[in-house]
Amino acid sequence: SLKPCVVVLYVFLISYSVLVRDVDAAGECGRTPIRSAAASLSPCLG
C-alpha cells in the first residue's frame, strides 16, 4: 500500500521543514517559536 508510505514521507518532510527552516511570526506565538507551535499541530495535517 502506497498510502502509509506517503503519510510517513509527508510527516518526515514537515518535521524536517520545522526543524531546519526558520519562520518569523513576530512573536504571535509568545515565547514559543512558530516552528515549534506548528509542529505541535501535526495531528491536524489531514
PDB file of all heavy atoms in Angstrom:
ATOM      1  N   SER A   1       0.846  -1.186   0.000  1.00  0.00           N
ATOM      2  CA  SER A   1       0.000   0.000   0.000  1.00  0.00           C
ATOM      3  C   SER A   1       0.879   1.233   0.000  1.00  0.00           C
ATOM      4  O   SER A   1       1.775   1.385   0.833  1.00  0.00           O
ATOM      5  CB  SER A   1      -0.915   0.002   1.228  1.00  0.00           C
ATOM      6  OG  SER A   1      -1.665   1.181   1.253  1.00  0.00           O
ATOM      7  N   LEU A   2       0.633   2.108  -0.931  1.00  0.00           N
ATOM      8  CA  LEU A   2       1.426   3.327  -1.067  1.00  0.00           C
ATOM      9  C   LEU A   2       1.012   4.390  -0.057  1.00  0.00           C
ATOM     10  O   LEU A   2       1.835   5.206   0.347  1.00  0.00           O
ATOM     11  CB  LEU A   2       1.259   3.866  -2.496  1.00  0.00           C
ATOM     12  CG  LEU A   2       2.154   5.000  -2.916  1.00  0.00           C
ATOM     13  CD1 LEU A   2       3.609   4.603  -2.770  1.00  0.00           C
ATOM     14  CD2 LEU A   2       1.867   5.388  -4.344  1.00  0.00           C
ATOM     15  N   LYS A   3      -0.228   4.359   0.393  1.00  0.00           N
ATOM     16  CA  LYS A   3      -0.730   5.400   1.289  1.00  0.00           C
ATOM     17  C   LYS A   3       0.091   5.552   2.569  1.00  0.00           C
ATOM     18  O   LYS A   3       0.476   6.664   2.918  1.00  0.00           O
ATOM     19  CB  LYS A   3      -2.209   5.149   1.611  1.00  0.00           C
ATOM     20  CG  LYS A   3      -2.848   6.272   2.370  1.00  0.00           C
ATOM     21  CD  LYS A   3      -4.335   6.030   2.564  1.00  0.00           C
ATOM     22  CE  LYS A   3      -4.960   7.195   3.298  1.00  0.00           C
ATOM     23  NZ  LYS A   3      -6.374   7.028   3.489  1.00  0.00           N
ATOM     24  N   PRO A   4       0.400   4.472   3.308  1.00  0.00           N
ATOM     25  CA  PRO A   4       1.206   4.651   4.523  1.00  0.00           C
ATOM     26  C   PRO A   4       2.581   5.248   4.229  1.00  0.00           C
ATOM     27  O   PRO A   4       3.093   6.050   4.999  1.00  0.00           O
ATOM     28  CB  PRO A   4       1.333   3.238   5.100  1.00  0.00           C
ATOM     29  CG  PRO A   4       0.183   2.484   4.537  1.00  0.00           C
ATOM     30  CD  PRO A   4      -0.066   3.089   3.181  1.00  0.00           C
ATOM     31  N   CYS A   5       3.169   4.881   3.109  1.00  0.00           N
ATOM     32  CA  CYS A   5       4.484   5.421   2.753  1.00  0.00           C
ATOM     33  C   CYS A   5       4.390   6.921   2.481  1.00  0.00           C
ATOM     34  O   CYS A   5       5.274   7.680   2.885  1.00  0.00           O
ATOM     35  CB  CYS A   5       5.033   4.707   1.525  1.00  0.00           C
ATOM     36  SG  CYS A   5       5.426   2.977   1.836  1.00  0.00           S
ATOM     37  N   VAL A   6       3.332   7.335   1.814  1.00  0.00           N
ATOM     38  CA  VAL A   6       3.147   8.751   1.512  1.00  0.00           C
ATOM     39  C   VAL A   6       2.947   9.540   2.808  1.00  0.00           C
ATOM     40  O   VAL A   6       3.517  10.617   2.984  1.00  0.00           O
ATOM     41  CB  VAL A   6       1.959   8.966   0.545  1.00  0.00           C
ATOM     42  CG1 VAL A   6       1.615  10.430   0.412  1.00  0.00           C
ATOM     43  CG2 VAL A   6       2.279   8.365  -0.813  1.00  0.00           C
ATOM     44  N   VAL A   7       2.180   8.995   3.735  1.00  0.00           N
ATOM     45  CA  VAL A   7       1.939   9.667   5.011  1.00  0.00           C
ATOM     46  C   VAL A   7       3.240   9.814   5.788  1.00  0.00           C
ATOM     47  O   VAL A   7       3.544  10.885   6.316  1.00  0.00           O
ATOM     48  CB  VAL A   7       0.877   8.902   5.846  1.00  0.00           C
ATOM     49  CG1 VAL A   7       0.795   9.441   7.257  1.00  0.00           C
ATOM     50  CG2 VAL A   7      -0.475   8.978   5.164  1.00  0.00           C
ATOM     51  N   VAL A   8       4.036   8.768   5.854  1.00  0.00           N
ATOM     52  CA  VAL A   8       5.314   8.821   6.569  1.00  0.00           C
ATOM     53  C   VAL A   8       6.238   9.847   5.920  1.00  0.00           C
ATOM     54  O   VAL A   8       6.868  10.652   6.607  1.00  0.00           O
ATOM     55  CB  VAL A   8       5.979   7.422   6.621  1.00  0.00           C
ATOM     56  CG1 VAL A   8       7.416   7.507   7.110  1.00  0.00           C
ATOM     57  CG2 VAL A   8       5.172   6.489   7.503  1.00  0.00           C
ATOM     58  N   LEU A   9       6.301   9.841   4.603  1.00  0.00           N
ATOM     59  CA  LEU A   9       7.139  10.810   3.891  1.00  0.00           C
ATOM     60  C   LEU A   9       6.662  12.229   4.162  1.00  0.00           C
ATOM     61  O   LEU A   9       7.463  13.132   4.404  1.00  0.00           O
ATOM     62  CB  LEU A   9       7.129  10.518   2.388  1.00  0.00           C
ATOM     63  CG  LEU A   9       7.941  11.471   1.520  1.00  0.00           C
ATOM     64  CD1 LEU A   9       9.413  11.419   1.915  1.00  0.00           C
ATOM     65  CD2 LEU A   9       7.771  11.124   0.056  1.00  0.00           C
ATOM     66  N   TYR A  10       5.366  12.439   4.138  1.00  0.00           N
ATOM     67  CA  TYR A  10       4.777  13.754   4.380  1.00  0.00           C
ATOM     68  C   TYR A  10       5.133  14.257   5.783  1.00  0.00           C
ATOM     69  O   TYR A  10       5.563  15.397   5.957  1.00  0.00           O
ATOM     70  CB  TYR A  10       3.259  13.646   4.209  1.00  0.00           C
ATOM     71  CG  TYR A  10       2.535  14.942   4.155  1.00  0.00           C
ATOM     72  CD1 TYR A  10       2.656  15.802   3.086  1.00  0.00           C
ATOM     73  CD2 TYR A  10       1.689  15.313   5.187  1.00  0.00           C
ATOM     74  CE1 TYR A  10       1.970  16.997   3.045  1.00  0.00           C
ATOM     75  CE2 TYR A  10       1.006  16.501   5.159  1.00  0.00           C
ATOM     76  CZ  TYR A  10       1.146  17.342   4.084  1.00  0.00           C
ATOM     77  OH  TYR A  10       0.465  18.525   4.055  1.00  0.00           O
ATOM     78  N   VAL A  11       4.976  13.413   6.790  1.00  0.00           N
ATOM     79  CA  VAL A  11       5.302  13.791   8.167  1.00  0.00           C
ATOM     80  C   VAL A  11       6.797  14.076   8.295  1.00  0.00           C
ATOM     81  O   VAL A  11       7.198  15.045   8.941  1.00  0.00           O
ATOM     82  CB  VAL A  11       4.852  12.703   9.165  1.00  0.00           C
ATOM     83  CG1 VAL A  11       5.399  12.962  10.554  1.00  0.00           C
ATOM     84  CG2 VAL A  11       3.336  12.622   9.195  1.00  0.00           C
ATOM     85  N   PHE A  12       7.617  13.261   7.650  1.00  0.00           N
ATOM     86  CA  PHE A  12       9.058  13.498   7.689  1.00  0.00           C
ATOM     87  C   PHE A  12       9.415  14.850   7.075  1.00  0.00           C
ATOM     88  O   PHE A  12      10.188  15.616   7.645  1.00  0.00           O
ATOM     89  CB  PHE A  12       9.811  12.388   6.949  1.00  0.00           C
ATOM     90  CG  PHE A  12      11.275  12.692   6.782  1.00  0.00           C
ATOM     91  CD1 PHE A  12      12.147  12.543   7.841  1.00  0.00           C
ATOM     92  CD2 PHE A  12      11.769  13.155   5.572  1.00  0.00           C
ATOM     93  CE1 PHE A  12      13.496  12.845   7.699  1.00  0.00           C
ATOM     94  CE2 PHE A  12      13.108  13.460   5.423  1.00  0.00           C
ATOM     95  CZ  PHE A  12      13.980  13.298   6.486  1.00  0.00           C
ATOM     96  N   LEU A  13       8.839  15.147   5.910  1.00  0.00           N
ATOM     97  CA  LEU A  13       9.142  16.419   5.253  1.00  0.00           C
ATOM     98  C   LEU A  13       8.705  17.605   6.091  1.00  0.00           C
ATOM     99  O   LEU A  13       9.416  18.610   6.184  1.00  0.00           O
ATOM    100  CB  LEU A  13       8.492  16.467   3.864  1.00  0.00           C
ATOM    101  CG  LEU A  13       9.110  15.528   2.834  1.00  0.00           C
ATOM    102  CD1 LEU A  13       8.298  15.543   1.542  1.00  0.00           C
ATOM    103  CD2 LEU A  13      10.556  15.893   2.561  1.00  0.00           C
ATOM    104  N   ILE A  14       7.562  17.500   6.712  1.00  0.00           N
ATOM    105  CA  ILE A  14       7.091  18.593   7.554  1.00  0.00           C
ATOM    106  C   ILE A  14       7.987  18.736   8.776  1.00  0.00           C
ATOM    107  O   ILE A  14       8.375  19.845   9.133  1.00  0.00           O
ATOM    108  CB  ILE A  14       5.627  18.372   7.956  1.00  0.00           C
ATOM    109  CG1 ILE A  14       4.795  18.544   6.717  1.00  0.00           C
ATOM    110  CG2 ILE A  14       5.213  19.319   9.068  1.00  0.00           C
ATOM    111  CD1 ILE A  14       3.352  18.536   6.865  1.00  0.00           C
ATOM    112  N   SER A  15       8.335  17.629   9.391  1.00  0.00           N
ATOM    113  CA  SER A  15       9.226  17.681  10.553  1.00  0.00           C
ATOM    114  C   SER A  15      10.566  18.286  10.168  1.00  0.00           C
ATOM    115  O   SER A  15      11.117  19.113  10.881  1.00  0.00           O
ATOM    116  CB  SER A  15       9.445  16.282  11.128  1.00  0.00           C
ATOM    117  OG  SER A  15       8.232  15.738  11.548  1.00  0.00           O
ATOM    118  N   TYR A  16      11.081  17.896   9.023  1.00  0.00           N
ATOM    119  CA  TYR A  16      12.343  18.423   8.551  1.00  0.00           C
ATOM    120  C   TYR A  16      12.247  19.927   8.325  1.00  0.00           C
ATOM    121  O   TYR A  16      13.109  20.689   8.744  1.00  0.00           O
ATOM    122  CB  TYR A  16      12.751  17.720   7.249  1.00  0.00           C
ATOM    123  CG  TYR A  16      14.049  18.228   6.684  1.00  0.00           C
ATOM    124  CD1 TYR A  16      15.262  17.828   7.246  1.00  0.00           C
ATOM    125  CD2 TYR A  16      14.072  19.090   5.606  1.00  0.00           C
ATOM    126  CE1 TYR A  16      16.459  18.287   6.744  1.00  0.00           C
ATOM    127  CE2 TYR A  16      15.264  19.565   5.098  1.00  0.00           C
ATOM    128  CZ  TYR A  16      16.455  19.156   5.665  1.00  0.00           C
ATOM    129  OH  TYR A  16      17.634  19.622   5.167  1.00  0.00           O
ATOM    130  N   SER A  17      11.153  20.358   7.692  1.00  0.00           N
ATOM    131  CA  SER A  17      10.955  21.788   7.452  1.00  0.00           C
ATOM    132  C   SER A  17      10.855  22.555   8.760  1.00  0.00           C
ATOM    133  O   SER A  17      11.374  23.652   8.889  1.00  0.00           O
ATOM    134  CB  SER A  17       9.679  22.027   6.637  1.00  0.00           C
ATOM    135  OG  SER A  17       9.834  21.518   5.345  1.00  0.00           O
ATOM    136  N   VAL A  18      10.182  21.981   9.723  1.00  0.00           N
ATOM    137  CA  VAL A  18      10.016  22.632  11.016  1.00  0.00           C
ATOM    138  C   VAL A  18      11.361  22.784  11.711  1.00  0.00           C
ATOM    139  O   VAL A  18      11.656  23.824  12.298  1.00  0.00           O
ATOM    140  CB  VAL A  18       9.030  21.836  11.905  1.00  0.00           C
ATOM    141  CG1 VAL A  18       9.084  22.303  13.341  1.00  0.00           C
ATOM    142  CG2 VAL A  18       7.627  21.969  11.364  1.00  0.00           C
ATOM    143  N   LEU A  19      12.189  21.769  11.631  1.00  0.00           N
ATOM    144  CA  LEU A  19      13.471  21.810  12.319  1.00  0.00           C
ATOM    145  C   LEU A  19      14.516  22.665  11.594  1.00  0.00           C
ATOM    146  O   LEU A  19      15.355  23.281  12.228  1.00  0.00           O
ATOM    147  CB  LEU A  19      14.014  20.390  12.488  1.00  0.00           C
ATOM    148  CG  LEU A  19      13.202  19.503  13.407  1.00  0.00           C
ATOM    149  CD1 LEU A  19      13.728  18.072  13.362  1.00  0.00           C
ATOM    150  CD2 LEU A  19      13.230  20.020  14.832  1.00  0.00           C
ATOM    151  N   VAL A  20      14.464  22.707  10.279  1.00  0.00           N
ATOM    152  CA  VAL A  20      15.503  23.371   9.515  1.00  0.00           C
ATOM    153  C   VAL A  20      15.152  24.808   9.154  1.00  0.00           C
ATOM    154  O   VAL A  20      15.976  25.698   9.234  1.00  0.00           O
ATOM    155  CB  VAL A  20      15.803  22.569   8.228  1.00  0.00           C
ATOM    156  CG1 VAL A  20      16.756  23.314   7.332  1.00  0.00           C
ATOM    157  CG2 VAL A  20      16.374  21.214   8.593  1.00  0.00           C
ATOM    158  N   ARG A  21      13.944  25.045   8.778  1.00  0.00           N
ATOM    159  CA  ARG A  21      13.552  26.348   8.279  1.00  0.00           C
ATOM    160  C   ARG A  21      13.104  27.254   9.410  1.00  0.00           C
ATOM    161  O   ARG A  21      12.302  26.886  10.240  1.00  0.00           O
ATOM    162  CB  ARG A  21      12.418  26.191   7.271  1.00  0.00           C
ATOM    163  CG  ARG A  21      12.161  27.433   6.507  1.00  0.00           C
ATOM    164  CD  ARG A  21      11.294  27.064   5.317  1.00  0.00           C
ATOM    165  NE  ARG A  21      11.129  28.211   4.490  1.00  0.00           N
ATOM    166  CZ  ARG A  21      11.749  28.383   3.346  1.00  0.00           C
ATOM    167  NH1 ARG A  21      12.560  27.471   2.915  1.00  0.00           N
ATOM    168  NH2 ARG A  21      11.525  29.453   2.640  1.00  0.00           N
ATOM    169  N   ASP A  22      13.573  28.475   9.432  1.00  0.00           N
ATOM    170  CA  ASP A  22      13.212  29.441  10.462  1.00  0.00           C
ATOM    171  C   ASP A  22      12.111  30.335   9.915  1.00  0.00           C
ATOM    172  O   ASP A  22      12.272  30.962   8.883  1.00  0.00           O
ATOM    173  CB  ASP A  22      14.428  30.275  10.851  1.00  0.00           C
ATOM    174  CG  ASP A  22      14.140  31.181  12.031  1.00  0.00           C
ATOM    175  OD1 ASP A  22      13.186  30.886  12.766  1.00  0.00           O
ATOM    176  OD2 ASP A  22      14.882  32.159  12.212  1.00  0.00           O
ATOM    177  N   VAL A  23      10.979  30.364  10.604  1.00  0.00           N
ATOM    178  CA  VAL A  23       9.850  31.174  10.176  1.00  0.00           C
ATOM    179  C   VAL A  23       9.635  32.263  11.205  1.00  0.00           C
ATOM    180  O   VAL A  23       9.509  31.986  12.389  1.00  0.00           O
ATOM    181  CB  VAL A  23       8.571  30.303  10.045  1.00  0.00           C
ATOM    182  CG1 VAL A  23       7.405  31.147   9.617  1.00  0.00           C
ATOM    183  CG2 VAL A  23       8.803  29.176   9.076  1.00  0.00           C
ATOM    184  N   ASP A  24       9.580  33.506  10.763  1.00  0.00           N
ATOM    185  CA  ASP A  24       9.413  34.634  11.668  1.00  0.00           C
ATOM    186  C   ASP A  24       7.938  35.004  11.752  1.00  0.00           C
ATOM    187  O   ASP A  24       7.327  35.345  10.752  1.00  0.00           O
ATOM    188  CB  ASP A  24      10.219  35.827  11.151  1.00  0.00           C
ATOM    189  CG  ASP A  24      10.098  37.033  12.058  1.00  0.00           C
ATOM    190  OD1 ASP A  24       9.750  36.849  13.238  1.00  0.00           O
ATOM    191  OD2 ASP A  24      10.358  38.142  11.584  1.00  0.00           O
ATOM    192  N   ALA A  25       7.371  34.943  12.945  1.00  0.00           N
ATOM    193  CA  ALA A  25       5.968  35.295  13.128  1.00  0.00           C
ATOM    194  C   ALA A  25       5.817  36.471  14.063  1.00  0.00           C
ATOM    195  O   ALA A  25       4.753  36.719  14.578  1.00  0.00           O
ATOM    196  CB  ALA A  25       5.191  34.107  13.666  1.00  0.00           C
ATOM    197  N   ALA A  26       6.862  37.230  14.268  1.00  0.00           N
ATOM    198  CA  ALA A  26       6.827  38.446  15.083  1.00  0.00           C
ATOM    199  C   ALA A  26       6.263  38.190  16.474  1.00  0.00           C
ATOM    200  O   ALA A  26       5.576  39.032  17.024  1.00  0.00           O
ATOM    201  CB  ALA A  26       6.046  39.532  14.357  1.00  0.00           C
ATOM    202  N   GLY A  27       6.531  37.043  17.052  1.00  0.00           N
ATOM    203  CA  GLY A  27       6.127  36.751  18.413  1.00  0.00           C
ATOM    204  C   GLY A  27       4.652  36.451  18.613  1.00  0.00           C
ATOM    205  O   GLY A  27       4.172  36.487  19.735  1.00  0.00           O
ATOM    206  N   GLU A  28       3.930  36.141  17.563  1.00  0.00           N
ATOM    207  CA  GLU A  28       2.493  35.843  17.695  1.00  0.00           C
ATOM    208  C   GLU A  28       2.249  34.600  18.539  1.00  0.00           C
ATOM    209  O   GLU A  28       1.167  34.417  19.059  1.00  0.00           O
ATOM    210  CB  GLU A  28       1.841  35.671  16.323  1.00  0.00           C
ATOM    211  CG  GLU A  28       1.862  36.915  15.464  1.00  0.00           C
ATOM    212  CD  GLU A  28       1.010  38.049  16.015  1.00  0.00           C
ATOM    213  OE1 GLU A  28       0.177  37.824  16.902  1.00  0.00           O
ATOM    214  OE2 GLU A  28       1.191  39.187  15.548  1.00  0.00           O
ATOM    215  N   CYS A  29       3.253  33.765  18.674  1.00  0.00           N
ATOM    216  CA  CYS A  29       3.105  32.542  19.450  1.00  0.00           C
ATOM    217  C   CYS A  29       3.763  32.669  20.820  1.00  0.00           C
ATOM    218  O   CYS A  29       4.123  31.662  21.443  1.00  0.00           O
ATOM    219  CB  CYS A  29       3.676  31.360  18.669  1.00  0.00           C
ATOM    220  SG  CYS A  29       2.781  31.043  17.134  1.00  0.00           S
ATOM    221  N   GLY A  30       3.914  33.895  21.273  1.00  0.00           N
ATOM    222  CA  GLY A  30       4.514  34.124  22.580  1.00  0.00           C
ATOM    223  C   GLY A  30       5.974  33.734  22.586  1.00  0.00           C
ATOM    224  O   GLY A  30       6.705  34.045  21.663  1.00  0.00           O
ATOM    225  N   ARG A  31       6.378  33.016  23.613  1.00  0.00           N
ATOM    226  CA  ARG A  31       7.782  32.614  23.739  1.00  0.00           C
ATOM    227  C   ARG A  31       8.088  31.348  22.950  1.00  0.00           C
ATOM    228  O   ARG A  31       9.240  30.938  22.854  1.00  0.00           O
ATOM    229  CB  ARG A  31       8.112  32.405  25.205  1.00  0.00           C
ATOM    230  CG  ARG A  31       7.949  33.692  26.002  1.00  0.00           C
ATOM    231  CD  ARG A  31       7.956  33.445  27.465  1.00  0.00           C
ATOM    232  NE  ARG A  31       9.315  33.498  27.985  1.00  0.00           N
ATOM    233  CZ  ARG A  31       9.634  33.257  29.222  1.00  0.00           C
ATOM    234  NH1 ARG A  31       8.702  32.924  30.087  1.00  0.00           N
ATOM    235  NH2 ARG A  31      10.871  33.337  29.629  1.00  0.00           N
ATOM    236  N   THR A  32       7.076  30.725  22.395  1.00  0.00           N
ATOM    237  CA  THR A  32       7.261  29.505  21.608  1.00  0.00           C
ATOM    238  C   THR A  32       7.577  29.877  20.164  1.00  0.00           C
ATOM    239  O   THR A  32       6.821  30.624  19.548  1.00  0.00           O
ATOM    240  CB  THR A  32       5.974  28.652  21.635  1.00  0.00           C
ATOM    241  OG1 THR A  32       5.625  28.380  22.981  1.00  0.00           O
ATOM    242  CG2 THR A  32       6.150  27.361  20.872  1.00  0.00           C
ATOM    243  N   PRO A  33       8.656  29.370  19.604  1.00  0.00           N
ATOM    244  CA  PRO A  33       8.925  29.636  18.187  1.00  0.00           C
ATOM    245  C   PRO A  33       7.796  29.085  17.323  1.00  0.00           C
ATOM    246  O   PRO A  33       7.233  28.028  17.634  1.00  0.00           O
ATOM    247  CB  PRO A  33      10.234  28.874  17.920  1.00  0.00           C
ATOM    248  CG  PRO A  33      10.845  28.652  19.265  1.00  0.00           C
ATOM    249  CD  PRO A  33       9.699  28.571  20.233  1.00  0.00           C
ATOM    250  N   ILE A  34       7.463  29.802  16.278  1.00  0.00           N
ATOM    251  CA  ILE A  34       6.330  29.387  15.445  1.00  0.00           C
ATOM    252  C   ILE A  34       6.535  27.984  14.883  1.00  0.00           C
ATOM    253  O   ILE A  34       5.577  27.222  14.751  1.00  0.00           O
ATOM    254  CB  ILE A  34       6.042  30.404  14.327  1.00  0.00           C
ATOM    255  CG1 ILE A  34       4.703  30.080  13.668  1.00  0.00           C
ATOM    256  CG2 ILE A  34       7.169  30.470  13.337  1.00  0.00           C
ATOM    257  CD1 ILE A  34       4.195  31.134  12.728  1.00  0.00           C
ATOM    258  N   ARG A  35       7.764  27.620  14.586  1.00  0.00           N
ATOM    259  CA  ARG A  35       8.006  26.279  14.035  1.00  0.00           C
ATOM    260  C   ARG A  35       7.652  25.201  15.058  1.00  0.00           C
ATOM    261  O   ARG A  35       7.145  24.144  14.696  1.00  0.00           O
ATOM    262  CB  ARG A  35       9.427  26.150  13.527  1.00  0.00           C
ATOM    263  CG  ARG A  35      10.485  26.296  14.564  1.00  0.00           C
ATOM    264  CD  ARG A  35      11.890  26.275  13.955  1.00  0.00           C
ATOM    265  NE  ARG A  35      12.884  26.532  14.964  1.00  0.00           N
ATOM    266  CZ  ARG A  35      13.325  27.730  15.291  1.00  0.00           C
ATOM    267  NH1 ARG A  35      12.855  28.786  14.685  1.00  0.00           N
ATOM    268  NH2 ARG A  35      14.238  27.868  16.235  1.00  0.00           N
ATOM    269  N   SER A  36       7.879  25.468  16.339  1.00  0.00           N
ATOM    270  CA  SER A  36       7.515  24.509  17.387  1.00  0.00           C
ATOM    271  C   SER A  36       6.004  24.446  17.562  1.00  0.00           C
ATOM    272  O   SER A  36       5.427  23.363  17.738  1.00  0.00           O
ATOM    273  CB  SER A  36       8.167  24.892  18.710  1.00  0.00           C
ATOM    274  OG  SER A  36       9.561  24.849  18.603  1.00  0.00           O
ATOM    275  N   ALA A  37       5.360  25.617  17.513  1.00  0.00           N
ATOM    276  CA  ALA A  37       3.898  25.652  17.619  1.00  0.00           C
ATOM    277  C   ALA A  37       3.266  24.913  16.445  1.00  0.00           C
ATOM    278  O   ALA A  37       2.305  24.153  16.612  1.00  0.00           O
ATOM    279  CB  ALA A  37       3.415  27.096  17.673  1.00  0.00           C
ATOM    280  N   ALA A  38       3.826  25.111  15.250  1.00  0.00           N
ATOM    281  CA  ALA A  38       3.306  24.423  14.062  1.00  0.00           C
ATOM    282  C   ALA A  38       3.497  22.911  14.184  1.00  0.00           C
ATOM    283  O   ALA A  38       2.592  22.140  13.853  1.00  0.00           O
ATOM    284  CB  ALA A  38       3.996  24.954  12.815  1.00  0.00           C
ATOM    285  N   ALA A  39       4.645  22.489  14.671  1.00  0.00           N
ATOM    286  CA  ALA A  39       4.909  21.056  14.833  1.00  0.00           C
ATOM    287  C   ALA A  39       3.931  20.421  15.814  1.00  0.00           C
ATOM    288  O   ALA A  39       3.533  19.270  15.641  1.00  0.00           O
ATOM    289  CB  ALA A  39       6.348  20.834  15.292  1.00  0.00           C
ATOM    290  N   SER A  40       3.515  21.188  16.828  1.00  0.00           N
ATOM    291  CA  SER A  40       2.573  20.631  17.806  1.00  0.00           C
ATOM    292  C   SER A  40       1.207  20.353  17.187  1.00  0.00           C
ATOM    293  O   SER A  40       0.426  19.584  17.724  1.00  0.00           O
ATOM    294  CB  SER A  40       2.421  21.567  19.001  1.00  0.00           C
ATOM    295  OG  SER A  40       1.623  22.686  18.678  1.00  0.00           O
ATOM    296  N   LEU A  41       0.939  20.986  16.054  1.00  0.00           N
ATOM    297  CA  LEU A  41      -0.349  20.795  15.375  1.00  0.00           C
ATOM    298  C   LEU A  41      -0.298  19.700  14.309  1.00  0.00           C
ATOM    299  O   LEU A  41      -1.216  19.594  13.496  1.00  0.00           O
ATOM    300  CB  LEU A  41      -0.809  22.118  14.747  1.00  0.00           C
ATOM    301  CG  LEU A  41      -1.085  23.249  15.740  1.00  0.00           C
ATOM    302  CD1 LEU A  41      -1.439  24.526  14.988  1.00  0.00           C
ATOM    303  CD2 LEU A  41      -2.190  22.875  16.702  1.00  0.00           C
ATOM    304  N   SER A  42       0.737  18.884  14.320  1.00  0.00           N
ATOM    305  CA  SER A  42       0.848  17.825  13.314  1.00  0.00           C
ATOM    306  C   SER A  42      -0.347  16.869  13.276  1.00  0.00           C
ATOM    307  O   SER A  42      -0.673  16.366  12.200  1.00  0.00           O
ATOM    308  CB  SER A  42       2.153  17.049  13.481  1.00  0.00           C
ATOM    309  OG  SER A  42       2.189  16.401  14.720  1.00  0.00           O
ATOM    310  N   PRO A  43      -1.068  16.636  14.385  1.00  0.00           N
ATOM    311  CA  PRO A  43      -2.258  15.779  14.284  1.00  0.00           C
ATOM    312  C   PRO A  43      -3.352  16.381  13.391  1.00  0.00           C
ATOM    313  O   PRO A  43      -4.287  15.702  13.005  1.00  0.00           O
ATOM    314  CB  PRO A  43      -2.759  15.663  15.724  1.00  0.00           C
ATOM    315  CG  PRO A  43      -1.585  15.992  16.576  1.00  0.00           C
ATOM    316  CD  PRO A  43      -0.770  16.969  15.786  1.00  0.00           C
ATOM    317  N   CYS A  44      -3.215  17.657  13.046  1.00  0.00           N
ATOM    318  CA  CYS A  44      -4.235  18.354  12.259  1.00  0.00           C
ATOM    319  C   CYS A  44      -3.968  18.326  10.756  1.00  0.00           C
ATOM    320  O   CYS A  44      -4.780  18.851   9.985  1.00  0.00           O
ATOM    321  CB  CYS A  44      -4.328  19.815  12.695  1.00  0.00           C
ATOM    322  SG  CYS A  44      -4.685  20.055  14.437  1.00  0.00           S
ATOM    323  N   LEU A  45      -2.865  17.747  10.333  1.00  0.00           N
ATOM    324  CA  LEU A  45      -2.479  17.848   8.925  1.00  0.00           C
ATOM    325  C   LEU A  45      -3.551  17.369   7.953  1.00  0.00           C
ATOM    326  O   LEU A  45      -3.828  18.034   6.965  1.00  0.00           O
ATOM    327  CB  LEU A  45      -1.174  17.094   8.676  1.00  0.00           C
ATOM    328  CG  LEU A  45       0.077  17.807   9.135  1.00  0.00           C
ATOM    329  CD1 LEU A  45       1.296  16.919   8.952  1.00  0.00           C
ATOM    330  CD2 LEU A  45       0.249  19.116   8.391  1.00  0.00           C
ATOM    331  N   GLY A  46      -4.131  16.239   8.200  1.00  0.00           N
ATOM    332  CA  GLY A  46      -5.155  15.717   7.289  1.00  0.00           C
ATOM    333  C   GLY A  46      -6.358  16.622   7.202  1.00  0.00           C
ATOM    334  O   GLY A  46      -6.871  16.907   6.117  1.00  0.00           O
TER     335      GLY A  46
END
